[in-house]
Amino acid sequence: MTSPSLANLINELSKLPGIGGKSAARLAYYILKRSTPEAEALANAILEVKAKIVRCSTCNNLTDENPCTICTDDRRDPSVLCVVEEACNIPTIESTRDFRGVYHVLLGALSPLKGVGPDEIDAAGLLKRLKQSTIREVIIATNPNVEGEATALYLAQQIRPLGIRITRLAFGLPVGGDLEYADHVTMSKALEGRREI
């Protein structure tokens, strides 16, 4: 039998994405083993991000400065815009250290089955931004799934009349992978994205 306060903590932790009941219980017991100052530091960090983090008024990235540090960095190339579904996609691209342009976060992807249409993502904000800037290339970096592909096709149709170059991230075989383990969709995408060497 679990105490009501512990059961409440487990219940709240299990609401986090990717955290099931067992993982939530493991986390709750871990928190209980920590000192009171450590538990307070965790609670304060959660409250602080809820109080301070806002959406960048330019790109929709999560930030505690508006506009965000990426949008205000004069070392970045403002003529190359990478479109992502969520702010959590930006650190992955940034970790490569290869992209020096700017971003636009759509706040989701098209999913007609879930009732998510163009008005539920920030496609309008993206188009407005493109019309008011000197962006020469839009890199569509939506996820390689049905929703991401639908979103990429929709955005390409909307952007094409503006005369801006539109590119899509290449998909295919992971580095270090074996061909025998690749599924047919991955192999098809790898063949489509091939380039000269």
N, C-alpha and C. Protein backbone atom coordinates (compact mmCIF):
# COMPACT_ATOMS: atom_id res chain seq x y z
N MET A 1 0.84 -1.18 0.00
CA MET A 1 0.00 0.00 0.00
C MET A 1 0.89 1.25 0.00
N THR A 2 0.65 2.14 -0.95
CA THR A 2 1.45 3.35 -1.08
C THR A 2 0.73 4.51 -0.40
N SER A 3 1.51 5.39 0.22
CA SER A 3 0.91 6.56 0.88
C SER A 3 0.28 7.46 -0.19
N PRO A 4 -0.76 8.21 0.19
CA PRO A 4 -1.43 9.08 -0.79
C PRO A 4 -0.48 10.09 -1.45
N SER A 5 0.46 10.66 -0.70
CA SER A 5 1.37 11.66 -1.29
C SER A 5 2.33 11.00 -2.28
N LEU A 6 2.81 9.80 -1.96
CA LEU A 6 3.68 9.08 -2.88
C LEU A 6 2.90 8.64 -4.12
N ALA A 7 1.69 8.16 -3.92
CA ALA A 7 0.84 7.76 -5.05
C ALA A 7 0.57 8.95 -5.96
N ASN A 8 0.38 10.14 -5.38
CA ASN A 8 0.15 11.35 -6.16
C ASN A 8 1.38 11.70 -6.99
N LEU A 9 2.56 11.60 -6.38
CA LEU A 9 3.81 11.88 -7.11
C LEU A 9 3.98 10.90 -8.27
N ILE A 10 3.75 9.62 -8.01
CA ILE A 10 3.86 8.61 -9.07
C ILE A 10 2.87 8.91 -10.19
N ASN A 11 1.65 9.27 -9.82
CA ASN A 11 0.63 9.60 -10.81
C ASN A 11 1.05 10.79 -11.67
N GLU A 12 1.58 11.84 -11.04
CA GLU A 12 2.01 13.03 -11.80
C GLU A 12 3.20 12.71 -12.70
N LEU A 13 4.16 11.93 -12.20
CA LEU A 13 5.32 11.57 -13.01
C LEU A 13 4.92 10.69 -14.20
N SER A 14 3.91 9.85 -14.01
CA SER A 14 3.49 8.96 -15.10
C SER A 14 2.81 9.73 -16.24
N LYS A 15 2.48 10.99 -16.02
CA LYS A 15 1.89 11.82 -17.08
C LYS A 15 2.95 12.36 -18.05
N LEU A 16 4.23 12.23 -17.66
CA LEU A 16 5.31 12.68 -18.54
C LEU A 16 5.42 11.74 -19.74
N PRO A 17 5.78 12.27 -20.92
CA PRO A 17 5.88 11.41 -22.10
C PRO A 17 6.97 10.36 -21.94
N GLY A 18 6.65 9.14 -22.31
CA GLY A 18 7.62 8.04 -22.24
C GLY A 18 7.81 7.46 -20.85
N ILE A 19 7.05 7.93 -19.88
CA ILE A 19 7.17 7.44 -18.51
C ILE A 19 5.92 6.65 -18.15
N GLY A 20 6.09 5.36 -18.00
CA GLY A 20 4.98 4.50 -17.59
C GLY A 20 4.92 4.41 -16.08
N GLY A 21 4.03 3.59 -15.58
CA GLY A 21 3.84 3.44 -14.14
C GLY A 21 5.09 3.00 -13.40
N LYS A 22 5.80 2.00 -13.95
CA LYS A 22 7.00 1.49 -13.27
C LYS A 22 8.11 2.53 -13.25
N SER A 23 8.30 3.22 -14.38
CA SER A 23 9.33 4.26 -14.43
C SER A 23 8.97 5.40 -13.49
N ALA A 24 7.69 5.75 -13.44
CA ALA A 24 7.24 6.82 -12.54
C ALA A 24 7.52 6.44 -11.09
N ALA A 25 7.24 5.19 -10.74
CA ALA A 25 7.50 4.74 -9.37
C ALA A 25 9.00 4.77 -9.07
N ARG A 26 9.82 4.35 -10.03
CA ARG A 26 11.27 4.37 -9.86
C ARG A 26 11.76 5.80 -9.61
N LEU A 27 11.25 6.74 -10.40
CA LEU A 27 11.62 8.14 -10.24
C LEU A 27 11.16 8.69 -8.88
N ALA A 28 9.96 8.35 -8.49
CA ALA A 28 9.43 8.82 -7.21
C ALA A 28 10.29 8.32 -6.05
N TYR A 29 10.65 7.04 -6.08
CA TYR A 29 11.49 6.50 -5.01
C TYR A 29 12.89 7.12 -5.06
N TYR A 30 13.38 7.43 -6.23
CA TYR A 30 14.68 8.09 -6.36
C TYR A 30 14.62 9.48 -5.71
N ILE A 31 13.53 10.21 -6.00
CA ILE A 31 13.37 11.55 -5.42
C ILE A 31 13.31 11.46 -3.89
N LEU A 32 12.62 10.45 -3.39
CA LEU A 32 12.54 10.27 -1.93
C LEU A 32 13.91 10.02 -1.30
N LYS A 33 14.81 9.37 -2.02
CA LYS A 33 16.15 9.08 -1.49
C LYS A 33 17.04 10.33 -1.48
N ARG A 34 16.73 11.31 -2.29
CA ARG A 34 17.53 12.53 -2.37
C ARG A 34 17.28 13.39 -1.13
N SER A 35 18.20 14.28 -0.89
CA SER A 35 18.04 15.20 0.26
C SER A 35 16.93 16.21 -0.04
N THR A 36 16.44 16.83 1.00
CA THR A 36 15.39 17.84 0.83
C THR A 36 15.87 18.98 -0.07
N PRO A 37 17.10 19.50 0.10
CA PRO A 37 17.56 20.56 -0.81
C PRO A 37 17.60 20.12 -2.29
N GLU A 38 17.96 18.86 -2.54
CA GLU A 38 17.97 18.37 -3.93
C GLU A 38 16.55 18.28 -4.48
N ALA A 39 15.63 17.82 -3.68
CA ALA A 39 14.23 17.74 -4.12
C ALA A 39 13.67 19.14 -4.36
N GLU A 40 14.02 20.09 -3.47
CA GLU A 40 13.57 21.46 -3.66
C GLU A 40 14.18 22.08 -4.92
N ALA A 41 15.44 21.76 -5.20
CA ALA A 41 16.09 22.28 -6.41
C ALA A 41 15.35 21.79 -7.66
N LEU A 42 14.94 20.52 -7.66
CA LEU A 42 14.18 19.98 -8.79
C LEU A 42 12.83 20.69 -8.91
N ALA A 43 12.13 20.82 -7.81
CA ALA A 43 10.82 21.49 -7.82
C ALA A 43 10.96 22.94 -8.27
N ASN A 44 12.00 23.63 -7.78
CA ASN A 44 12.22 25.02 -8.16
C ASN A 44 12.58 25.16 -9.64
N ALA A 45 13.35 24.20 -10.17
CA ALA A 45 13.71 24.24 -11.59
C ALA A 45 12.45 24.11 -12.46
N ILE A 46 11.54 23.25 -12.05
CA ILE A 46 10.28 23.09 -12.79
C ILE A 46 9.46 24.37 -12.73
N LEU A 47 9.34 24.95 -11.55
CA LEU A 47 8.57 26.18 -11.40
C LEU A 47 9.22 27.34 -12.16
N GLU A 48 10.56 27.38 -12.16
CA GLU A 48 11.27 28.46 -12.86
C GLU A 48 11.05 28.42 -14.36
N VAL A 49 11.12 27.22 -14.97
CA VAL A 49 10.90 27.16 -16.43
C VAL A 49 9.46 27.51 -16.77
N LYS A 50 8.52 27.12 -15.91
CA LYS A 50 7.13 27.47 -16.16
C LYS A 50 6.91 28.99 -16.07
N ALA A 51 7.66 29.64 -15.19
CA ALA A 51 7.51 31.08 -15.00
C ALA A 51 8.27 31.90 -16.03
N LYS A 52 9.43 31.43 -16.48
CA LYS A 52 10.32 32.25 -17.30
C LYS A 52 10.33 31.92 -18.79
N ILE A 53 10.04 30.68 -19.17
CA ILE A 53 10.17 30.29 -20.58
C ILE A 53 8.96 30.76 -21.37
N VAL A 54 9.23 31.42 -22.50
CA VAL A 54 8.19 31.90 -23.41
C VAL A 54 8.54 31.46 -24.83
N ARG A 55 7.63 31.67 -25.75
CA ARG A 55 7.89 31.42 -27.16
C ARG A 55 8.53 32.66 -27.77
N CYS A 56 9.58 32.46 -28.55
CA CYS A 56 10.21 33.57 -29.27
C CYS A 56 9.18 34.16 -30.24
N SER A 57 9.06 35.46 -30.25
CA SER A 57 8.07 36.12 -31.11
C SER A 57 8.46 36.05 -32.59
N THR A 58 9.70 35.69 -32.88
CA THR A 58 10.15 35.57 -34.27
C THR A 58 10.01 34.15 -34.79
N CYS A 59 10.51 33.16 -34.00
CA CYS A 59 10.63 31.80 -34.53
C CYS A 59 9.84 30.73 -33.76
N ASN A 60 9.23 31.07 -32.64
CA ASN A 60 8.48 30.13 -31.79
C ASN A 60 9.36 29.21 -30.95
N ASN A 61 10.67 29.42 -30.94
CA ASN A 61 11.54 28.61 -30.11
C ASN A 61 11.24 28.93 -28.64
N LEU A 62 11.54 28.00 -27.76
CA LEU A 62 11.38 28.23 -26.32
C LEU A 62 12.59 29.02 -25.83
N THR A 63 12.34 30.09 -25.07
CA THR A 63 13.42 30.96 -24.66
C THR A 63 13.06 31.71 -23.38
N ASP A 64 14.08 32.22 -22.70
CA ASP A 64 13.81 33.12 -21.59
C ASP A 64 14.18 34.55 -21.98
N GLU A 65 14.57 34.75 -23.24
CA GLU A 65 14.81 36.07 -23.82
C GLU A 65 13.98 36.17 -25.09
N ASN A 66 13.33 37.29 -25.31
CA ASN A 66 12.51 37.43 -26.51
C ASN A 66 12.94 38.68 -27.27
N PRO A 67 13.43 38.51 -28.52
CA PRO A 67 13.60 37.29 -29.29
C PRO A 67 14.73 36.41 -28.74
N CYS A 68 14.74 35.17 -29.19
CA CYS A 68 15.69 34.18 -28.65
C CYS A 68 17.12 34.48 -29.11
N THR A 69 18.07 33.81 -28.48
CA THR A 69 19.49 34.05 -28.78
C THR A 69 19.87 33.62 -30.19
N ILE A 70 19.14 32.68 -30.78
CA ILE A 70 19.44 32.28 -32.16
C ILE A 70 19.01 33.40 -33.11
N CYS A 71 17.82 33.93 -32.90
CA CYS A 71 17.32 35.00 -33.78
C CYS A 71 18.14 36.27 -33.68
N THR A 72 18.76 36.53 -32.54
CA THR A 72 19.53 37.76 -32.36
C THR A 72 21.02 37.59 -32.59
N ASP A 73 21.46 36.38 -32.93
CA ASP A 73 22.88 36.11 -33.15
C ASP A 73 23.28 36.60 -34.54
N ASP A 74 24.09 37.67 -34.59
CA ASP A 74 24.46 38.23 -35.88
C ASP A 74 25.50 37.40 -36.64
N ARG A 75 25.97 36.31 -36.04
CA ARG A 75 26.87 35.39 -36.74
C ARG A 75 26.12 34.34 -37.56
N ARG A 76 24.80 34.31 -37.40
CA ARG A 76 23.99 33.32 -38.13
C ARG A 76 23.54 33.91 -39.45
N ASP A 77 23.24 33.03 -40.41
CA ASP A 77 22.81 33.45 -41.74
C ASP A 77 21.28 33.54 -41.77
N PRO A 78 20.71 34.75 -41.76
CA PRO A 78 19.26 34.89 -41.72
C PRO A 78 18.57 34.57 -43.05
N SER A 79 19.37 34.27 -44.09
CA SER A 79 18.77 33.95 -45.39
C SER A 79 18.46 32.47 -45.55
N VAL A 80 18.88 31.65 -44.57
CA VAL A 80 18.61 30.21 -44.61
C VAL A 80 17.77 29.87 -43.38
N LEU A 81 16.57 29.36 -43.63
CA LEU A 81 15.60 29.09 -42.56
C LEU A 81 15.30 27.60 -42.50
N CYS A 82 15.46 27.02 -41.33
CA CYS A 82 15.16 25.60 -41.13
C CYS A 82 13.83 25.49 -40.38
N VAL A 83 12.88 24.79 -40.97
CA VAL A 83 11.55 24.63 -40.39
C VAL A 83 11.48 23.29 -39.66
N VAL A 84 11.15 23.34 -38.37
CA VAL A 84 11.03 22.13 -37.55
C VAL A 84 9.63 22.06 -36.95
N GLU A 85 9.24 20.87 -36.52
CA GLU A 85 7.92 20.70 -35.92
C GLU A 85 7.84 21.28 -34.52
N GLU A 86 8.83 20.98 -33.70
CA GLU A 86 8.80 21.38 -32.29
C GLU A 86 10.15 21.97 -31.88
N ALA A 87 10.15 22.78 -30.83
CA ALA A 87 11.38 23.40 -30.33
C ALA A 87 12.41 22.34 -29.91
N CYS A 88 11.94 21.19 -29.48
CA CYS A 88 12.86 20.12 -29.05
C CYS A 88 13.67 19.55 -30.21
N ASN A 89 13.31 19.89 -31.47
CA ASN A 89 14.09 19.44 -32.63
C ASN A 89 15.34 20.30 -32.85
N ILE A 90 15.33 21.52 -32.36
CA ILE A 90 16.44 22.45 -32.60
C ILE A 90 17.76 21.97 -32.00
N PRO A 91 17.81 21.53 -30.73
CA PRO A 91 19.09 21.07 -30.19
C PRO A 91 19.74 19.94 -30.99
N THR A 92 18.93 19.07 -31.58
CA THR A 92 19.48 17.98 -32.39
C THR A 92 20.22 18.52 -33.61
N ILE A 93 19.61 19.49 -34.28
CA ILE A 93 20.25 20.09 -35.45
C ILE A 93 21.46 20.91 -35.02
N GLU A 94 21.32 21.66 -33.93
CA GLU A 94 22.43 22.48 -33.43
C GLU A 94 23.63 21.64 -33.03
N SER A 95 23.38 20.42 -32.54
CA SER A 95 24.48 19.57 -32.08
C SER A 95 25.43 19.18 -33.21
N THR A 96 24.97 19.28 -34.46
CA THR A 96 25.85 18.95 -35.59
C THR A 96 26.88 20.04 -35.82
N ARG A 97 26.58 21.26 -35.39
CA ARG A 97 27.42 22.44 -35.61
C ARG A 97 27.61 22.76 -37.09
N ASP A 98 26.79 22.17 -37.94
CA ASP A 98 26.88 22.40 -39.38
C ASP A 98 25.89 23.46 -39.86
N PHE A 99 24.81 23.66 -39.15
CA PHE A 99 23.78 24.60 -39.58
C PHE A 99 23.99 25.93 -38.89
N ARG A 100 24.10 27.00 -39.66
CA ARG A 100 24.32 28.34 -39.10
C ARG A 100 23.23 29.31 -39.50
N GLY A 101 22.08 28.79 -39.94
CA GLY A 101 20.96 29.64 -40.30
C GLY A 101 20.07 29.88 -39.10
N VAL A 102 18.80 30.18 -39.38
CA VAL A 102 17.81 30.44 -38.33
C VAL A 102 16.69 29.42 -38.43
N TYR A 103 15.76 29.46 -37.50
CA TYR A 103 14.71 28.44 -37.42
C TYR A 103 13.31 29.04 -37.44
N HIS A 104 12.36 28.15 -37.74
CA HIS A 104 10.95 28.46 -37.50
C HIS A 104 10.31 27.18 -36.96
N VAL A 105 9.69 27.29 -35.80
CA VAL A 105 9.04 26.15 -35.15
C VAL A 105 7.55 26.18 -35.50
N LEU A 106 7.06 25.10 -36.10
CA LEU A 106 5.66 25.04 -36.53
C LEU A 106 4.67 24.79 -35.39
N LEU A 107 5.15 24.27 -34.29
CA LEU A 107 4.30 23.91 -33.15
C LEU A 107 3.42 22.71 -33.47
N GLY A 108 3.93 21.79 -34.27
CA GLY A 108 3.20 20.57 -34.60
C GLY A 108 3.36 20.19 -36.06
N ALA A 109 2.57 19.19 -36.45
CA ALA A 109 2.57 18.71 -37.82
C ALA A 109 1.14 18.42 -38.24
N LEU A 110 0.89 18.48 -39.52
CA LEU A 110 -0.45 18.19 -40.03
C LEU A 110 -0.83 16.74 -39.74
N SER A 111 -2.04 16.54 -39.27
CA SER A 111 -2.54 15.21 -39.00
C SER A 111 -4.06 15.23 -39.09
N PRO A 112 -4.61 15.09 -40.30
CA PRO A 112 -6.06 15.16 -40.47
C PRO A 112 -6.82 14.16 -39.59
N LEU A 113 -6.25 12.98 -39.36
CA LEU A 113 -6.92 11.99 -38.52
C LEU A 113 -7.06 12.46 -37.08
N LYS A 114 -6.13 13.32 -36.64
CA LYS A 114 -6.19 13.86 -35.27
C LYS A 114 -6.80 15.25 -35.25
N GLY A 115 -7.30 15.70 -36.39
CA GLY A 115 -7.92 17.02 -36.46
C GLY A 115 -6.94 18.18 -36.46
N VAL A 116 -5.69 17.92 -36.86
CA VAL A 116 -4.68 18.97 -36.92
C VAL A 116 -4.51 19.40 -38.37
N GLY A 117 -5.04 20.57 -38.68
CA GLY A 117 -4.93 21.12 -40.02
C GLY A 117 -3.96 22.29 -40.05
N PRO A 118 -3.86 22.98 -41.18
CA PRO A 118 -2.93 24.11 -41.31
C PRO A 118 -3.15 25.22 -40.29
N ASP A 119 -4.38 25.40 -39.83
CA ASP A 119 -4.65 26.45 -38.85
C ASP A 119 -4.17 26.09 -37.45
N GLU A 120 -3.91 24.82 -37.18
CA GLU A 120 -3.47 24.39 -35.85
C GLU A 120 -1.94 24.39 -35.72
N ILE A 121 -1.23 24.58 -36.82
CA ILE A 121 0.22 24.73 -36.75
C ILE A 121 0.53 26.16 -37.22
N ASP A 122 1.76 26.59 -37.08
CA ASP A 122 2.09 27.98 -37.43
C ASP A 122 2.56 28.12 -38.88
N ALA A 123 1.81 27.55 -39.81
CA ALA A 123 2.12 27.71 -41.23
C ALA A 123 1.91 29.17 -41.65
N ALA A 124 0.87 29.80 -41.15
CA ALA A 124 0.58 31.20 -41.50
C ALA A 124 1.71 32.11 -41.03
N GLY A 125 2.21 31.88 -39.83
CA GLY A 125 3.33 32.68 -39.31
C GLY A 125 4.58 32.50 -40.15
N LEU A 126 4.81 31.27 -40.59
CA LEU A 126 5.95 30.99 -41.45
C LEU A 126 5.83 31.75 -42.77
N LEU A 127 4.67 31.67 -43.40
CA LEU A 127 4.48 32.34 -44.69
C LEU A 127 4.60 33.86 -44.54
N LYS A 128 4.06 34.40 -43.47
CA LYS A 128 4.17 35.84 -43.22
C LYS A 128 5.64 36.22 -43.07
N ARG A 129 6.37 35.42 -42.34
CA ARG A 129 7.80 35.68 -42.12
C ARG A 129 8.56 35.63 -43.44
N LEU A 130 8.24 34.65 -44.29
CA LEU A 130 8.93 34.53 -45.58
C LEU A 130 8.65 35.72 -46.48
N LYS A 131 7.44 36.22 -46.45
CA LYS A 131 7.07 37.36 -47.30
C LYS A 131 7.72 38.66 -46.83
N GLN A 132 8.08 38.74 -45.55
CA GLN A 132 8.63 39.96 -45.00
C GLN A 132 10.15 39.92 -44.83
N SER A 133 10.81 38.93 -45.43
CA SER A 133 12.25 38.79 -45.21
C SER A 133 12.98 38.53 -46.53
N THR A 134 14.29 38.36 -46.39
CA THR A 134 15.13 38.06 -47.56
C THR A 134 15.62 36.62 -47.50
N ILE A 135 14.79 35.74 -47.04
CA ILE A 135 15.17 34.32 -46.95
C ILE A 135 15.27 33.76 -48.36
N ARG A 136 16.39 33.09 -48.64
CA ARG A 136 16.60 32.52 -49.98
C ARG A 136 16.43 31.00 -50.02
N GLU A 137 16.50 30.35 -48.84
CA GLU A 137 16.31 28.90 -48.79
C GLU A 137 15.54 28.51 -47.54
N VAL A 138 14.58 27.61 -47.72
CA VAL A 138 13.84 27.03 -46.60
C VAL A 138 14.17 25.54 -46.57
N ILE A 139 14.73 25.09 -45.47
CA ILE A 139 15.00 23.67 -45.28
C ILE A 139 13.86 23.11 -44.45
N ILE A 140 13.10 22.18 -45.01
CA ILE A 140 11.99 21.58 -44.28
C ILE A 140 12.53 20.35 -43.54
N ALA A 141 12.55 20.46 -42.22
CA ALA A 141 13.12 19.41 -41.37
C ALA A 141 12.05 18.78 -40.49
N THR A 142 10.91 18.44 -41.10
CA THR A 142 9.86 17.77 -40.35
C THR A 142 10.22 16.29 -40.22
N ASN A 143 9.57 15.60 -39.31
CA ASN A 143 9.88 14.20 -39.05
C ASN A 143 9.59 13.31 -40.26
N PRO A 144 10.36 12.24 -40.41
CA PRO A 144 10.16 11.33 -41.55
C PRO A 144 9.04 10.31 -41.29
N ASN A 145 7.84 10.84 -41.00
CA ASN A 145 6.68 9.97 -40.81
C ASN A 145 5.54 10.54 -41.65
N VAL A 146 4.37 9.93 -41.57
CA VAL A 146 3.25 10.34 -42.42
C VAL A 146 2.90 11.81 -42.18
N GLU A 147 2.82 12.21 -40.90
CA GLU A 147 2.47 13.59 -40.58
C GLU A 147 3.54 14.56 -41.07
N GLY A 148 4.80 14.20 -40.85
CA GLY A 148 5.90 15.06 -41.29
C GLY A 148 5.96 15.21 -42.79
N GLU A 149 5.72 14.12 -43.51
CA GLU A 149 5.72 14.17 -44.98
C GLU A 149 4.56 15.02 -45.48
N ALA A 150 3.37 14.86 -44.88
CA ALA A 150 2.21 15.66 -45.28
C ALA A 150 2.48 17.14 -45.03
N THR A 151 3.10 17.44 -43.90
CA THR A 151 3.43 18.82 -43.57
C THR A 151 4.44 19.39 -44.56
N ALA A 152 5.45 18.60 -44.89
CA ALA A 152 6.48 19.06 -45.84
C ALA A 152 5.86 19.35 -47.20
N LEU A 153 4.99 18.47 -47.68
CA LEU A 153 4.34 18.69 -48.98
C LEU A 153 3.46 19.93 -48.96
N TYR A 154 2.70 20.09 -47.89
CA TYR A 154 1.83 21.27 -47.77
C TYR A 154 2.66 22.55 -47.77
N LEU A 155 3.73 22.59 -46.97
CA LEU A 155 4.56 23.78 -46.90
C LEU A 155 5.22 24.08 -48.24
N ALA A 156 5.69 23.04 -48.92
CA ALA A 156 6.32 23.24 -50.23
C ALA A 156 5.33 23.88 -51.21
N GLN A 157 4.09 23.42 -51.19
CA GLN A 157 3.06 24.00 -52.07
C GLN A 157 2.82 25.47 -51.75
N GLN A 158 2.84 25.82 -50.47
CA GLN A 158 2.59 27.20 -50.06
C GLN A 158 3.78 28.11 -50.34
N ILE A 159 4.99 27.58 -50.21
CA ILE A 159 6.21 28.38 -50.35
C ILE A 159 6.62 28.55 -51.82
N ARG A 160 6.37 27.54 -52.64
CA ARG A 160 6.83 27.55 -54.04
C ARG A 160 6.48 28.84 -54.79
N PRO A 161 5.25 29.37 -54.68
CA PRO A 161 4.93 30.61 -55.41
C PRO A 161 5.78 31.82 -54.98
N LEU A 162 6.44 31.76 -53.84
CA LEU A 162 7.26 32.88 -53.37
C LEU A 162 8.63 32.91 -54.04
N GLY A 163 8.97 31.85 -54.80
CA GLY A 163 10.24 31.80 -55.51
C GLY A 163 11.44 31.53 -54.61
N ILE A 164 11.19 30.97 -53.46
CA ILE A 164 12.27 30.65 -52.51
C ILE A 164 12.68 29.20 -52.72
N ARG A 165 13.98 28.94 -52.66
CA ARG A 165 14.48 27.56 -52.78
C ARG A 165 13.97 26.74 -51.60
N ILE A 166 13.45 25.55 -51.89
CA ILE A 166 12.91 24.67 -50.85
C ILE A 166 13.71 23.37 -50.88
N THR A 167 14.25 22.99 -49.73
CA THR A 167 14.96 21.71 -49.63
C THR A 167 14.36 20.91 -48.48
N ARG A 168 14.64 19.63 -48.50
CA ARG A 168 14.14 18.71 -47.45
C ARG A 168 15.34 17.94 -46.93
N LEU A 169 15.37 17.68 -45.65
CA LEU A 169 16.45 16.85 -45.10
C LEU A 169 16.48 15.51 -45.81
N ALA A 170 17.67 15.00 -46.05
CA ALA A 170 17.80 13.68 -46.66
C ALA A 170 17.50 12.62 -45.60
N PHE A 171 16.94 11.51 -46.05
CA PHE A 171 16.65 10.40 -45.16
C PHE A 171 17.30 9.15 -45.73
N GLY A 172 17.56 8.21 -44.89
CA GLY A 172 18.13 6.98 -45.41
C GLY A 172 18.84 6.18 -44.35
N LEU A 173 19.94 5.59 -44.75
CA LEU A 173 20.67 4.64 -43.90
C LEU A 173 21.47 5.36 -42.83
N PRO A 174 21.43 4.86 -41.60
CA PRO A 174 22.24 5.47 -40.55
C PRO A 174 23.71 5.11 -40.73
N VAL A 175 24.59 6.01 -40.30
CA VAL A 175 26.02 5.74 -40.36
C VAL A 175 26.32 4.57 -39.42
N GLY A 176 27.06 3.60 -39.91
CA GLY A 176 27.40 2.44 -39.11
C GLY A 176 26.39 1.31 -39.19
N GLY A 177 25.30 1.52 -39.96
CA GLY A 177 24.27 0.48 -40.09
C GLY A 177 24.61 -0.52 -41.18
N ASP A 178 23.97 -1.66 -41.16
CA ASP A 178 24.16 -2.69 -42.18
C ASP A 178 22.96 -2.69 -43.11
N LEU A 179 23.22 -2.83 -44.41
CA LEU A 179 22.15 -2.83 -45.40
C LEU A 179 21.12 -3.92 -45.16
N GLU A 180 21.58 -5.07 -44.67
CA GLU A 180 20.64 -6.18 -44.49
C GLU A 180 19.55 -5.89 -43.47
N TYR A 181 19.78 -4.90 -42.59
CA TYR A 181 18.79 -4.59 -41.56
C TYR A 181 17.88 -3.41 -41.93
N ALA A 182 18.13 -2.80 -43.08
CA ALA A 182 17.33 -1.64 -43.49
C ALA A 182 15.97 -2.11 -44.03
N ASP A 183 14.91 -1.42 -43.58
CA ASP A 183 13.58 -1.73 -44.11
C ASP A 183 13.44 -1.09 -45.49
N HIS A 184 12.39 -1.47 -46.22
CA HIS A 184 12.26 -1.01 -47.61
C HIS A 184 12.03 0.49 -47.72
N VAL A 185 11.36 1.11 -46.75
CA VAL A 185 11.13 2.55 -46.81
C VAL A 185 12.45 3.31 -46.62
N THR A 186 13.25 2.87 -45.65
CA THR A 186 14.55 3.50 -45.41
C THR A 186 15.44 3.35 -46.63
N MET A 187 15.45 2.15 -47.23
CA MET A 187 16.28 1.92 -48.40
C MET A 187 15.80 2.78 -49.57
N SER A 188 14.50 2.90 -49.73
CA SER A 188 13.94 3.72 -50.80
C SER A 188 14.37 5.18 -50.63
N LYS A 189 14.28 5.69 -49.40
CA LYS A 189 14.68 7.07 -49.13
C LYS A 189 16.18 7.26 -49.35
N ALA A 190 16.97 6.26 -48.99
CA ALA A 190 18.42 6.34 -49.20
C ALA A 190 18.75 6.42 -50.69
N LEU A 191 18.03 5.66 -51.50
CA LEU A 191 18.25 5.70 -52.95
C LEU A 191 17.82 7.05 -53.52
N GLU A 192 16.69 7.57 -53.06
CA GLU A 192 16.20 8.87 -53.53
C GLU A 192 17.18 9.98 -53.19
N GLY A 193 17.78 9.91 -52.01
CA GLY A 193 18.67 10.99 -51.54
C GLY A 193 20.11 10.79 -51.94
N ARG A 194 20.41 9.86 -52.83
CA ARG A 194 21.80 9.62 -53.20
C ARG A 194 22.41 10.85 -53.88
N ARG A 195 23.74 10.98 -53.77
CA ARG A 195 24.42 12.11 -54.40
C ARG A 195 25.77 11.64 -54.93
N GLU A 196 26.31 12.43 -55.80
CA GLU A 196 27.61 12.07 -56.39
C GLU A 196 28.72 12.17 -55.36
N ILE A 197 29.74 11.29 -55.53
CA ILE A 197 30.90 11.37 -54.63
C ILE A 197 32.16 11.53 -55.46
